[in-house]
Amino acid sequence: MWKTKYEELLNKYNINPEFIEFNDLLKFFLENKRRVIHKWIHYFEVYDLYFNKFRNRENSILEIGVNRGGSLFMWRDYFGERAKIAGIDILKGTKILNQEGFNIFIGSQADPLFLNIVGEKAGPFDIIIDDGSHIMDHQILTFEELFPFLAEGGIYLCEDCHTSYWDSYGGGYKKKSTFIEYAKNIVDDLNAYHSKNRDELKPNYYTKNIEYVHFYDSIVVFKKRKRAIPYNRKSGEIDWRKKE
């Protein structure tokens, strides 16, 4: 039914409903006539997959890269009035959004001191969305500085990671200093307890505090959760390999 209702808007934005699941975030975007929102269409499905459980609760959300402010209103509509929504931007004009009930911090995500001030004043955060400069050094620094301010069970989502393949943003295919390669290395950290050579790979902070790293087109998602040292057990009494 929704396909028929929104057919004109779907055509306007060249959206094929066969390739995306409809949700409230996409609905808000299609109906938006207020502040500008600029997103890759497939993002809405990824957002809903990880953010849905945080709706209509007292949560703290941080978005890096406020720009024209449209997404802040989208988050408020989606998460509900009980959510506290903060934003970071380098443009001083975005301070006007404080009048709308948001908490805007002006500064650069390349400044670790600034990021820590934001974390201390507005954190801990249940969700952090990095939609900032998309520059490699900035994405990595922001993750390292703000992930500790993510609440237990929280989600850190870095978007527009396709810039990891763009030279103009410090990226490049298989280039070691890109955010994508950085995130791939964290996959190794998740498995560090199983390493037979602790000189090469040993448990660290990420090993003990990240439950998963999920990769999508242009998006990397991390979930923060304390992890115990993995162990295995056996159950059952019948083994066909042994004679009764």
Foldseek 3Di string as FASTA:
>chain_A
DVCVVCVVLCVVVVHDCVVEPDDLLVVCQSPDPDWDDDDDVNVVRVCCVQCVVQAPDQFEEEEEACDRPPVVVSVCVGRHPNYAYEYEDQDPVCVVCVVVVHHYDHDALLDLVSLLVCLVPRFLGQEYEYPYPLALSSVVSNCVRNVVRHDAQHKYKYFQLVCLCPVVRVHRVVDCSGPVNVLVVLVLLLVQLVDPDVVVGHHDPSVQFWPDWDDDVRMIMTTTHGDDRDDDDDDDDDDPVDDD
